[in-house]
């Protein structure tokens, strides 16, 4: 049983990769996650939906629902995808005893992430982050297995007595087969695309500032943003900038895009854009799954020059790196690709080849199955 209180039911890593891989291997898999429906089966995975929390203060209601489902169904493995769900580990152990294996899937650098939460007042962030670290470590005594997204996370959990593995969040090659361009992205435009969270710290405003510099020199340019804003205030700030700089005809703002349709939008674009993950959390070693998805789609990439983005781009020679904080640098890189269509196609082909041979989920899936064979208690 996989549990999450904050990720969507059809999250790419949780549902499409981990749950489906386990189900195809013969495991009886149930996912309990926020959804607008109560019960369905998809790709051999039973999905139990819980009404999403409308605020952070409603999350305990979701936790309670998840806990009741786990206790009621008594699974052999409870696979936790949110750090706050560790709070239910003592209860799971107390009720289900040694018959259950508890797995903690470490998606991110938790302490760094908490220290960047904008809803926590500045003066409290360091204290809250430290308390979270202490609590996580204490609850680790109830955990039987740890899954990390990158090798560097493992050192932060050196004292935990749990089986461990690293399962990279690489793209699933089969999910990007048979892509069909979508009509919303007209082929007579020079189409730039970014799919992901529309947060200030992701460089969204940098993209808009660069777009205002591009529109005169590349009038066909169209920026496609697919994702959800982190706040209505930031959305209004972006919309005001777009209006003030006459960018309405050069921007297509989409909502969250279902993972199954991402391939079609990428197949409709000319260049992928990763302006940069600017917070301290992203200075540690990590993997941008979006970057690898852009690569497997055959798109050249313009990216902020951060180590975790640089490594793949340099290895494949599949894009251009620029100073993340300078809109003019982004604009010049995009303009170069606009003026050199043959070179950008070659970049895209090299990026696709690298992912197809080395960095894909088809390789990582075997590691997940090996870990479950170790962790499941018969």
Protein backbone atom coordinates (compact mmCIF):
# COMPACT_ATOMS: atom_id res chain seq x y z
CA UNK A 1 0.00 0.00 0.00
CA UNK A 2 1.43 3.36 -1.11
CA UNK A 3 0.30 6.40 0.88
CA UNK A 4 0.53 10.11 0.09
CA UNK A 5 -1.33 13.10 1.47
CA UNK A 6 0.13 15.78 -0.80
CA UNK A 7 0.91 14.21 -4.19
CA UNK A 8 -1.73 13.72 -6.85
CA UNK A 9 -3.07 10.20 -7.30
CA UNK A 10 -1.42 9.89 -10.70
CA UNK A 11 1.91 11.37 -9.70
CA UNK A 12 4.58 10.34 -12.26
CA UNK A 13 6.98 8.75 -9.77
CA UNK A 14 4.46 7.24 -7.37
CA UNK A 15 1.79 5.88 -9.70
CA UNK A 16 3.24 5.67 -13.19
CA UNK A 17 6.63 4.33 -12.16
CA UNK A 18 6.62 2.65 -8.76
CA UNK A 19 3.03 1.40 -8.38
CA UNK A 20 2.70 0.20 -11.98
CA UNK A 21 6.10 -1.50 -11.90
CA UNK A 22 5.14 -3.44 -8.77
CA UNK A 23 1.70 -4.35 -10.14
CA UNK A 24 3.18 -5.63 -13.39
CA UNK A 25 5.55 -7.80 -11.35
CA UNK A 26 2.61 -9.47 -9.62
CA UNK A 27 2.22 -7.46 -6.42
CA UNK A 28 -1.26 -6.53 -5.21
CA UNK A 29 -0.86 -2.75 -5.12
CA UNK A 30 -3.15 -0.15 -3.57
CA UNK A 31 -2.48 3.58 -3.70
CA UNK A 32 -4.28 5.92 -1.32
CA UNK A 33 -3.95 9.55 -2.41
CA UNK A 34 -5.81 12.84 -2.81
CA UNK A 35 -8.35 12.53 -5.63
CA UNK A 36 -11.85 13.65 -6.58
CA UNK A 37 -13.17 10.07 -6.66
CA UNK A 38 -13.33 7.31 -4.05
CA UNK A 39 -12.29 4.08 -5.73
CA UNK A 40 -11.01 2.93 -9.12
CA UNK A 41 -8.57 0.48 -10.70
CA UNK A 42 -6.10 1.65 -13.33
CA UNK A 43 -3.25 -0.35 -14.86
CA UNK A 44 -3.78 -3.10 -12.24
CA UNK A 45 -3.37 -0.60 -9.38
CA UNK A 46 -6.29 0.01 -7.03
CA UNK A 47 -6.55 3.72 -6.30
CA UNK A 48 -8.47 4.86 -3.23
CA UNK A 49 -9.15 8.57 -3.29
CA UNK A 50 -9.43 10.92 -0.35
CA UNK A 51 -10.77 14.46 -0.65
CA UNK A 52 -7.72 16.75 -0.95
CA UNK A 53 -6.91 19.05 1.97
CA UNK A 54 -8.02 22.59 1.18
CA UNK A 55 -5.37 24.03 3.46
CA UNK A 56 -2.34 22.86 5.42
CA UNK A 57 -4.46 22.69 8.55
CA UNK A 58 -6.76 20.11 6.94
CA UNK A 59 -3.94 17.66 6.25
CA UNK A 60 -4.42 15.75 9.56
CA UNK A 61 -7.86 14.74 8.26
CA UNK A 62 -6.16 13.17 5.24
CA UNK A 63 -3.53 11.49 7.45
CA UNK A 64 -6.29 9.93 9.55
CA UNK A 65 -7.99 8.54 6.43
CA UNK A 66 -4.71 7.06 5.18
CA UNK A 67 -3.98 5.48 8.54
CA UNK A 68 -7.43 3.90 8.75
CA UNK A 69 -7.03 2.41 5.26
CA UNK A 70 -3.67 0.88 6.17
CA UNK A 71 -4.95 -0.57 9.44
CA UNK A 72 -8.08 -1.93 7.78
CA UNK A 73 -6.29 -3.66 4.88
CA UNK A 74 -3.18 -4.82 6.80
CA UNK A 75 -0.74 -4.74 3.88
CA UNK A 76 2.63 -6.46 3.92
CA UNK A 77 4.31 -3.16 3.02
CA UNK A 78 3.27 0.42 3.77
CA UNK A 79 5.19 2.72 1.45
CA UNK A 80 5.20 6.34 2.66
CA UNK A 81 5.79 9.16 0.17
CA UNK A 82 5.55 12.22 2.45
CA UNK A 83 7.79 12.94 5.45
CA UNK A 84 4.84 13.97 7.61
CA UNK A 85 3.38 10.48 7.20
CA UNK A 86 6.21 9.20 9.40
CA UNK A 87 4.02 10.45 12.26
CA UNK A 88 1.76 7.44 11.71
CA UNK A 89 4.65 4.93 11.79
CA UNK A 90 4.44 4.26 15.57
CA UNK A 91 0.72 3.55 15.27
CA UNK A 92 1.23 1.27 12.27
CA UNK A 93 3.88 -0.66 14.17
CA UNK A 94 1.73 -0.82 17.29
CA UNK A 95 -1.37 -2.10 15.48
CA UNK A 96 0.15 -4.24 12.71
CA UNK A 97 3.23 -5.37 14.60
CA UNK A 98 6.16 -7.03 12.85
CA UNK A 99 3.97 -8.29 9.99
CA UNK A 100 4.27 -4.96 8.16
CA UNK A 101 7.36 -3.43 6.57
CA UNK A 102 7.40 0.37 6.57
CA UNK A 103 9.19 2.02 3.64
CA UNK A 104 10.05 5.73 3.58
CA UNK A 105 10.54 7.15 0.07
CA UNK A 106 12.79 10.21 0.47
CA UNK A 107 11.81 12.43 -2.44
CA UNK A 108 13.83 15.52 -1.48
CA UNK A 109 16.25 17.08 0.99
CA UNK A 110 13.68 17.57 3.74
CA UNK A 111 15.49 20.01 6.04
CA UNK A 112 16.54 22.26 3.16
CA UNK A 113 13.01 22.16 1.79
CA UNK A 114 11.45 23.20 5.11
CA UNK A 115 13.94 26.05 5.45
CA UNK A 116 12.63 27.44 2.13
CA UNK A 117 8.90 27.30 2.92
CA UNK A 118 7.58 30.80 2.29
CA UNK A 119 4.53 30.27 4.52
CA UNK A 120 6.82 29.90 7.57
CA UNK A 121 7.96 33.31 8.92
CA UNK A 122 11.62 33.98 8.16
CA UNK A 123 12.72 34.07 11.79
CA UNK A 124 11.18 30.65 12.48
CA UNK A 125 12.35 28.69 9.43
CA UNK A 126 15.69 27.58 10.86
CA UNK A 127 14.12 26.49 14.14
CA UNK A 128 11.28 24.64 12.39
CA UNK A 129 13.73 22.92 10.05
CA UNK A 130 15.80 21.73 13.00
CA UNK A 131 12.72 20.42 14.84
CA UNK A 132 11.65 18.58 11.69
CA UNK A 133 15.09 16.99 11.44
CA UNK A 134 14.97 15.80 15.06
CA UNK A 135 11.44 14.43 14.65
CA UNK A 136 12.28 12.63 11.40
CA UNK A 137 15.29 10.99 13.01
CA UNK A 138 13.29 9.83 16.04
CA UNK A 139 10.56 8.30 13.87
CA UNK A 140 13.20 6.54 11.78
CA UNK A 141 13.35 3.77 14.40
CA UNK A 142 10.06 2.45 13.00
CA UNK A 143 11.24 2.38 9.36
CA UNK A 144 12.37 -0.86 7.71
CA UNK A 145 13.37 0.49 4.30
CA UNK A 146 14.64 3.72 2.78
CA UNK A 147 14.44 4.70 -0.89
CA UNK A 148 16.52 7.67 -2.03
CA UNK A 149 16.20 9.63 -5.26
CA UNK A 150 19.96 10.36 -5.42
CA UNK A 151 23.01 8.81 -3.77
CA UNK A 152 23.90 11.98 -1.85
CA UNK A 153 20.75 11.72 0.29
CA UNK A 154 21.94 8.49 1.88
CA UNK A 155 24.64 10.20 3.97
CA UNK A 156 21.95 12.21 5.78
CA UNK A 157 20.37 8.96 7.03
CA UNK A 158 23.57 7.16 8.02
CA UNK A 159 22.32 6.34 11.52
CA UNK A 160 19.07 4.71 10.42
CA UNK A 161 18.85 0.94 10.83
CA UNK A 162 16.95 0.21 7.63
CA UNK A 163 17.52 -1.45 4.29
CA UNK A 164 18.27 1.15 1.67
CA UNK A 165 18.48 1.67 -2.06
CA UNK A 166 18.76 4.51 -4.56
CA UNK A 167 16.10 4.60 -7.26
CA UNK A 168 16.57 7.54 -9.59
CA UNK A 169 13.48 9.29 -10.87
CA UNK A 170 14.44 8.81 -14.51
CA UNK A 171 11.79 9.02 -17.25
CA UNK A 172 9.97 5.94 -18.45
CA UNK A 173 10.78 5.50 -22.14
CA UNK A 174 7.47 3.82 -22.94
CA UNK A 175 5.61 6.87 -21.61
CA UNK A 176 7.11 9.00 -24.38
CA UNK A 177 6.36 6.70 -27.31
CA UNK A 178 3.81 7.58 -29.99
CA UNK A 179 3.61 11.28 -29.11
CA UNK A 180 1.15 13.37 -31.12
CA UNK A 181 1.49 17.17 -31.40
CA UNK A 182 -1.35 19.18 -29.89
CA UNK A 183 -3.19 21.91 -31.83
CA UNK A 184 -2.75 24.49 -29.04
CA UNK A 185 0.91 24.87 -30.02
CA UNK A 186 0.80 26.03 -33.68
CA UNK A 187 3.75 24.86 -35.82
CA UNK A 188 4.23 28.32 -37.37
CA UNK A 189 5.43 29.66 -33.99
CA UNK A 190 8.85 29.23 -32.34
CA UNK A 191 7.64 27.30 -29.31
CA UNK A 192 9.43 27.39 -25.96
CA UNK A 193 8.08 25.08 -23.26
CA UNK A 194 8.33 24.69 -19.51
CA UNK A 195 6.21 22.13 -17.65
CA UNK A 196 6.34 22.17 -13.87
CA UNK A 197 5.50 24.20 -10.78
CA UNK A 198 5.03 27.90 -11.48
CA UNK A 199 6.90 29.20 -8.44
CA UNK A 200 8.96 32.37 -8.16
CA UNK A 201 11.97 30.32 -7.03
CA UNK A 202 11.77 28.27 -10.25
CA UNK A 203 12.67 31.33 -12.29
CA UNK A 204 9.29 32.02 -13.86
CA UNK A 205 9.71 35.78 -13.71
CA UNK A 206 13.15 35.43 -15.31
CA UNK A 207 11.44 33.68 -18.22
CA UNK A 208 8.92 36.48 -18.64
CA UNK A 209 11.64 39.13 -18.53
CA UNK A 210 13.63 37.22 -21.17
CA UNK A 211 10.48 36.85 -23.27
CA UNK A 212 10.02 40.62 -23.27
CA UNK A 213 13.53 40.92 -24.73
CA UNK A 214 12.92 38.22 -27.34
CA UNK A 215 9.62 39.26 -28.84
CA UNK A 216 11.06 42.00 -31.07
CA UNK A 217 13.96 39.93 -32.44
CA UNK A 218 12.02 36.67 -32.73
CA UNK A 219 8.41 37.74 -33.32
CA UNK A 220 7.21 34.12 -33.78
CA UNK A 221 8.25 33.21 -30.22
CA UNK A 222 5.61 31.57 -28.04
CA UNK A 223 6.29 30.60 -24.42
CA UNK A 224 4.19 27.71 -23.12
CA UNK A 225 3.93 27.36 -19.34
CA UNK A 226 2.20 24.23 -18.05
CA UNK A 227 1.65 24.01 -14.31
CA UNK A 228 0.03 25.50 -11.24
CA UNK A 229 1.04 28.72 -9.49
CA UNK A 230 2.06 28.44 -5.86
CA UNK A 231 -0.11 31.42 -4.92
CA UNK A 232 -2.66 33.76 -6.41
CA UNK A 233 -0.44 36.71 -5.49
CA UNK A 234 2.38 35.40 -7.68
CA UNK A 235 -0.05 34.66 -10.49
CA UNK A 236 -1.32 38.24 -10.38
CA UNK A 237 2.27 39.52 -10.38
CA UNK A 238 3.05 37.51 -13.51
CA UNK A 239 -0.16 38.54 -15.25
CA UNK A 240 0.54 42.20 -14.50
CA UNK A 241 4.02 41.87 -16.04
CA UNK A 242 2.61 40.15 -19.12
CA UNK A 243 0.04 42.90 -19.60
CA UNK A 244 2.49 45.75 -18.99
CA UNK A 245 5.01 44.38 -21.52
CA UNK A 246 2.57 43.32 -24.24
CA UNK A 247 3.31 39.61 -23.94
CA UNK A 248 -0.23 38.24 -24.22
CA UNK A 249 0.30 37.16 -27.82
CA UNK A 250 3.58 35.44 -26.89
CA UNK A 251 2.45 33.46 -23.84
CA UNK A 252 0.25 30.39 -23.57
CA UNK A 253 -0.59 29.63 -19.95
CA UNK A 254 -1.85 26.10 -19.38
CA UNK A 255 -3.01 24.47 -16.17
CA UNK A 256 -1.47 21.32 -14.69
CA UNK A 257 -0.87 18.79 -17.51
CA UNK A 258 -1.64 15.13 -16.91
CA UNK A 259 1.51 13.04 -17.12
CA UNK A 260 0.07 10.93 -19.93
CA UNK A 261 -0.24 14.07 -22.09
CA UNK A 262 3.17 15.59 -21.35
CA UNK A 263 4.76 13.76 -24.28
CA UNK A 264 2.31 15.34 -26.72
CA UNK A 265 3.06 18.87 -25.55
CA UNK A 266 6.79 18.26 -25.69
CA UNK A 267 6.43 16.86 -29.20
CA UNK A 268 4.84 20.18 -30.17
CA UNK A 269 7.73 22.36 -28.95
CA UNK A 270 11.04 23.53 -30.43
CA UNK A 271 13.07 24.29 -27.28
CA UNK A 272 12.71 23.33 -23.61
CA UNK A 273 13.50 25.90 -20.95
CA UNK A 274 14.78 25.34 -17.41
CA UNK A 275 15.49 28.80 -16.02
CA UNK A 276 16.95 27.53 -12.78
CA UNK A 277 16.11 26.27 -9.31
CA UNK A 278 17.42 29.14 -7.27
CA UNK A 279 17.08 28.15 -3.60
CA UNK A 280 19.78 26.60 -1.41
CA UNK A 281 17.82 23.34 -1.46
CA UNK A 282 18.85 22.88 -5.10
CA UNK A 283 22.55 23.47 -4.58
CA UNK A 284 22.85 19.87 -3.40
CA UNK A 285 23.16 17.03 -5.87
CA UNK A 286 19.76 16.22 -7.40
CA UNK A 287 18.17 15.13 -10.65
CA UNK A 288 15.76 17.23 -12.67
CA UNK A 289 13.29 14.71 -14.05
CA UNK A 290 11.87 17.46 -16.25
CA UNK A 291 15.28 17.88 -17.85
CA UNK A 292 15.52 14.19 -18.73
CA UNK A 293 11.95 14.19 -20.05
CA UNK A 294 12.82 17.11 -22.31
CA UNK A 295 15.84 15.16 -23.50
CA UNK A 296 13.96 11.94 -24.27
CA UNK A 297 11.47 14.08 -26.23
CA UNK A 298 14.38 15.22 -28.39
CA UNK A 299 14.30 18.87 -27.35
CA UNK A 300 17.39 21.09 -26.97
CA UNK A 301 17.48 22.79 -23.58
CA UNK A 302 18.28 26.28 -22.35
CA UNK A 303 19.07 25.98 -18.65
CA UNK A 304 20.39 27.93 -15.72
CA UNK A 305 23.97 26.90 -15.04
CA UNK A 306 23.50 24.77 -11.92
CA UNK A 307 25.53 21.60 -11.29
CA UNK A 308 22.58 19.20 -11.41
CA UNK A 309 21.46 20.60 -14.77
CA UNK A 310 24.95 21.03 -16.19
CA UNK A 311 26.04 17.40 -15.85
CA UNK A 312 23.53 15.93 -18.31
CA UNK A 313 23.73 18.83 -20.75
CA UNK A 314 27.51 18.61 -20.93
CA UNK A 315 27.49 14.83 -21.19
CA UNK A 316 25.10 14.85 -24.15
CA UNK A 317 25.96 18.30 -25.56
CA UNK A 318 22.22 18.82 -25.79
CA UNK A 319 21.71 22.44 -24.79
CA UNK A 320 23.02 25.81 -23.69
CA UNK A 321 23.86 26.84 -20.11
CA UNK A 322 23.48 30.45 -18.98
CA UNK A 323 23.64 32.55 -15.84
CA UNK A 324 20.36 31.60 -14.17
CA UNK A 325 19.64 35.08 -12.81
CA UNK A 326 20.21 37.08 -16.05
CA UNK A 327 17.19 37.30 -18.37
CA UNK A 328 19.36 38.73 -21.16
CA UNK A 329 21.59 35.64 -21.09
CA UNK A 330 18.54 33.39 -21.44
CA UNK A 331 17.24 35.52 -24.30
CA UNK A 332 20.54 35.36 -26.21
CA UNK A 333 20.75 31.56 -25.86
CA UNK A 334 17.20 31.13 -27.11
CA UNK A 335 17.85 33.53 -29.98
CA UNK A 336 20.89 31.47 -31.02
CA UNK A 337 18.79 28.30 -31.17
CA UNK A 338 16.10 30.19 -33.07
CA UNK A 339 18.68 31.17 -35.69
CA UNK A 340 20.32 27.70 -35.89
CA UNK A 341 17.62 25.07 -36.52
CA UNK A 342 20.02 22.35 -37.68
CA UNK A 343 22.16 22.64 -34.56
CA UNK A 344 19.16 22.52 -32.23
CA UNK A 345 17.89 19.34 -33.94
CA UNK A 346 21.31 17.73 -33.46
CA UNK A 347 21.31 18.73 -29.79
CA UNK A 348 17.89 17.19 -29.31
CA UNK A 349 18.94 13.93 -30.95
CA UNK A 350 22.02 13.62 -28.72
CA UNK A 351 19.96 14.20 -25.59
CA UNK A 352 17.41 11.55 -26.61
CA UNK A 353 20.16 9.02 -27.28
CA UNK A 354 21.72 9.50 -23.84
CA UNK A 355 18.45 8.93 -21.97
CA UNK A 356 17.55 5.92 -24.10
CA UNK A 357 20.84 4.21 -23.29
CA UNK A 358 21.65 5.23 -19.71
CA UNK A 359 19.12 7.31 -17.77
CA UNK A 360 15.68 5.71 -17.93
CA UNK A 361 13.13 4.08 -15.64
CA UNK A 362 13.35 0.75 -17.41
CA UNK A 363 16.75 0.34 -15.75
CA UNK A 364 15.63 1.66 -12.35
CA UNK A 365 12.55 -0.59 -12.22
CA UNK A 366 14.74 -3.65 -11.65
CA UNK A 367 16.26 -2.01 -8.59
CA UNK A 368 12.81 -1.35 -7.13
CA UNK A 369 11.80 -5.00 -7.54
CA UNK A 370 15.05 -6.22 -5.96
CA UNK A 371 14.44 -3.92 -2.98
CA UNK A 372 10.89 -5.22 -2.49
CA UNK A 373 12.11 -8.79 -2.60
CA UNK A 374 14.43 -7.87 0.28
CA UNK A 375 11.93 -5.88 2.31
CA UNK A 376 8.74 -7.96 2.08
CA UNK A 377 8.24 -10.17 5.10
CA UNK A 378 6.87 -13.55 4.19
